[in-house]
Amino acid sequence: MPKLKTHKGTAKRIKLTSTGKLTRRRAFGNHMLSKKSKSRKRNINTTAEVTGAMKKNAKRALGV
């Protein structure tokens, strides 16, 4: 069976941690920031963990 190629679009968006978790950026942090509260913007700026079926698909796309 041939080697699997890494899906580069996924690789640019999702990082694999040393413990095997997948981290991603949160959405809604690019524009129209003046109407969003400081606490909301601060929460958007943190990383989130990929879970569930999306984690399985992302791991396959990354070749992990």
N, C-alpha and C. Protein backbone atom coordinates (compact mmCIF):
# COMPACT_ATOMS: atom_id res chain seq x y z
N MET A 1 0.85 -1.18 0.00
CA MET A 1 0.00 0.00 0.00
C MET A 1 0.89 1.25 0.00
N PRO A 2 0.56 2.26 -0.80
CA PRO A 2 1.42 3.45 -0.89
C PRO A 2 1.31 4.33 0.36
N LYS A 3 2.30 5.19 0.52
CA LYS A 3 2.29 6.13 1.63
C LYS A 3 1.15 7.12 1.45
N LEU A 4 0.61 7.61 2.58
CA LEU A 4 -0.44 8.62 2.53
C LEU A 4 0.19 10.00 2.49
N LYS A 5 -0.31 10.86 1.64
CA LYS A 5 0.19 12.23 1.59
C LYS A 5 -0.52 13.07 2.65
N THR A 6 0.24 13.96 3.26
CA THR A 6 -0.33 14.88 4.23
C THR A 6 -1.20 15.90 3.51
N HIS A 7 -2.39 16.16 4.05
CA HIS A 7 -3.26 17.19 3.50
C HIS A 7 -2.75 18.54 4.01
N LYS A 8 -2.13 19.31 3.13
CA LYS A 8 -1.42 20.53 3.53
C LYS A 8 -2.35 21.60 4.09
N GLY A 9 -3.59 21.68 3.61
CA GLY A 9 -4.53 22.65 4.14
C GLY A 9 -4.84 22.36 5.61
N THR A 10 -4.95 21.08 5.95
CA THR A 10 -5.18 20.69 7.34
C THR A 10 -3.93 20.91 8.18
N ALA A 11 -2.78 20.60 7.63
CA ALA A 11 -1.51 20.74 8.36
C ALA A 11 -1.24 22.20 8.74
N LYS A 12 -1.69 23.14 7.92
CA LYS A 12 -1.48 24.56 8.21
C LYS A 12 -2.42 25.05 9.31
N ARG A 13 -3.55 24.38 9.51
CA ARG A 13 -4.55 24.84 10.46
C ARG A 13 -4.53 24.10 11.79
N ILE A 14 -4.08 22.85 11.79
CA ILE A 14 -4.14 22.03 12.99
C ILE A 14 -2.74 21.56 13.36
N LYS A 15 -2.41 21.70 14.67
CA LYS A 15 -1.11 21.26 15.17
C LYS A 15 -1.30 20.07 16.10
N LEU A 16 -0.35 19.14 16.05
CA LEU A 16 -0.35 17.97 16.90
C LEU A 16 0.52 18.25 18.12
N THR A 17 -0.03 18.07 19.33
CA THR A 17 0.74 18.29 20.55
C THR A 17 1.55 17.04 20.87
N SER A 18 2.44 17.15 21.85
CA SER A 18 3.29 16.02 22.22
C SER A 18 2.50 14.88 22.85
N THR A 19 1.34 15.19 23.43
CA THR A 19 0.51 14.15 24.04
C THR A 19 -0.46 13.52 23.04
N GLY A 20 -0.44 14.00 21.79
CA GLY A 20 -1.29 13.41 20.76
C GLY A 20 -2.60 14.14 20.53
N LYS A 21 -2.80 15.26 21.22
CA LYS A 21 -4.02 16.04 21.01
C LYS A 21 -3.84 16.93 19.78
N LEU A 22 -4.98 17.34 19.21
CA LEU A 22 -4.96 18.24 18.06
C LEU A 22 -5.49 19.60 18.49
N THR A 23 -4.74 20.66 18.19
CA THR A 23 -5.18 22.00 18.54
C THR A 23 -5.47 22.81 17.29
N ARG A 24 -6.40 23.74 17.41
CA ARG A 24 -6.81 24.57 16.28
C ARG A 24 -7.09 25.98 16.78
N ARG A 25 -7.16 26.93 15.84
CA ARG A 25 -7.56 28.29 16.18
C ARG A 25 -9.08 28.37 16.24
N ARG A 26 -9.58 29.36 16.96
CA ARG A 26 -11.03 29.57 17.01
C ARG A 26 -11.48 30.50 15.89
N ALA A 27 -12.73 30.38 15.53
CA ALA A 27 -13.31 31.20 14.47
C ALA A 27 -13.75 32.57 15.01
N PHE A 28 -14.13 33.46 14.11
CA PHE A 28 -14.73 34.77 14.38
C PHE A 28 -13.74 35.79 14.95
N GLY A 29 -12.46 35.70 14.65
CA GLY A 29 -11.50 36.64 15.21
C GLY A 29 -10.79 37.51 14.20
N ASN A 30 -11.36 37.67 13.02
CA ASN A 30 -10.64 38.38 11.97
C ASN A 30 -11.12 39.80 11.69
N HIS A 31 -12.40 40.04 11.76
CA HIS A 31 -12.89 41.39 11.43
C HIS A 31 -14.13 41.70 12.26
N MET A 32 -14.53 42.97 12.21
CA MET A 32 -15.66 43.47 13.00
C MET A 32 -15.44 43.22 14.49
N LEU A 33 -14.23 43.55 14.95
CA LEU A 33 -13.86 43.28 16.34
C LEU A 33 -14.35 44.35 17.30
N SER A 34 -14.74 45.51 16.78
CA SER A 34 -15.14 46.61 17.66
C SER A 34 -16.45 46.30 18.39
N LYS A 35 -17.32 45.52 17.80
CA LYS A 35 -18.59 45.19 18.44
C LYS A 35 -18.49 44.02 19.41
N LYS A 36 -17.35 43.32 19.41
CA LYS A 36 -17.16 42.17 20.30
C LYS A 36 -16.51 42.63 21.60
N SER A 37 -16.94 42.03 22.69
CA SER A 37 -16.42 42.42 24.00
C SER A 37 -14.98 41.94 24.17
N LYS A 38 -14.27 42.56 25.14
CA LYS A 38 -12.89 42.19 25.39
C LYS A 38 -12.77 40.73 25.80
N SER A 39 -13.69 40.27 26.64
CA SER A 39 -13.63 38.89 27.10
C SER A 39 -13.89 37.91 25.95
N ARG A 40 -14.80 38.29 25.06
CA ARG A 40 -15.09 37.44 23.91
C ARG A 40 -13.89 37.34 22.97
N LYS A 41 -13.23 38.49 22.72
CA LYS A 41 -12.04 38.51 21.86
C LYS A 41 -10.90 37.73 22.50
N ARG A 42 -10.79 37.82 23.81
CA ARG A 42 -9.75 37.09 24.53
C ARG A 42 -9.98 35.58 24.42
N ASN A 43 -11.23 35.17 24.50
CA ASN A 43 -11.57 33.75 24.37
C ASN A 43 -11.33 33.25 22.95
N ILE A 44 -11.61 34.08 21.95
CA ILE A 44 -11.37 33.72 20.55
C ILE A 44 -9.88 33.51 20.30
N ASN A 45 -9.05 34.28 21.00
CA ASN A 45 -7.61 34.25 20.79
C ASN A 45 -6.93 32.98 21.31
N THR A 46 -7.62 32.20 22.15
CA THR A 46 -7.04 30.98 22.70
C THR A 46 -7.22 29.83 21.72
N THR A 47 -6.43 28.78 21.91
CA THR A 47 -6.55 27.61 21.04
C THR A 47 -7.63 26.68 21.58
N ALA A 48 -8.17 25.86 20.70
CA ALA A 48 -9.19 24.89 21.08
C ALA A 48 -8.72 23.50 20.67
N GLU A 49 -9.29 22.49 21.30
CA GLU A 49 -8.93 21.12 20.98
C GLU A 49 -9.93 20.55 19.97
N VAL A 50 -9.43 19.78 19.02
CA VAL A 50 -10.28 19.11 18.04
C VAL A 50 -10.76 17.81 18.68
N THR A 51 -12.08 17.57 18.67
CA THR A 51 -12.63 16.39 19.33
C THR A 51 -13.61 15.66 18.40
N GLY A 52 -14.00 14.49 18.83
CA GLY A 52 -15.04 13.72 18.14
C GLY A 52 -14.63 13.20 16.78
N ALA A 53 -15.60 13.13 15.89
CA ALA A 53 -15.37 12.60 14.55
C ALA A 53 -14.40 13.46 13.76
N MET A 54 -14.40 14.78 14.05
CA MET A 54 -13.48 15.68 13.37
C MET A 54 -12.03 15.33 13.69
N LYS A 55 -11.78 14.86 14.91
CA LYS A 55 -10.41 14.47 15.31
C LYS A 55 -9.94 13.28 14.49
N LYS A 56 -10.82 12.31 14.30
CA LYS A 56 -10.48 11.12 13.53
C LYS A 56 -10.16 11.49 12.08
N ASN A 57 -10.98 12.35 11.49
CA ASN A 57 -10.77 12.79 10.11
C ASN A 57 -9.50 13.61 9.97
N ALA A 58 -9.23 14.47 10.94
CA ALA A 58 -8.04 15.32 10.89
C ALA A 58 -6.78 14.50 11.04
N LYS A 59 -6.80 13.52 11.92
CA LYS A 59 -5.63 12.65 12.10
C LYS A 59 -5.32 11.89 10.81
N ARG A 60 -6.36 11.44 10.15
CA ARG A 60 -6.18 10.73 8.88
C ARG A 60 -5.59 11.66 7.83
N ALA A 61 -6.07 12.92 7.80
CA ALA A 61 -5.58 13.90 6.83
C ALA A 61 -4.13 14.27 7.10
N LEU A 62 -3.73 14.25 8.39
CA LEU A 62 -2.36 14.59 8.76
C LEU A 62 -1.42 13.39 8.62
N GLY A 63 -1.98 12.21 8.45
CA GLY A 63 -1.15 11.02 8.31
C GLY A 63 -0.59 10.55 9.64
N VAL A 64 -1.34 10.78 10.71
CA VAL A 64 -0.89 10.38 12.06
C VAL A 64 -1.45 9.01 12.41
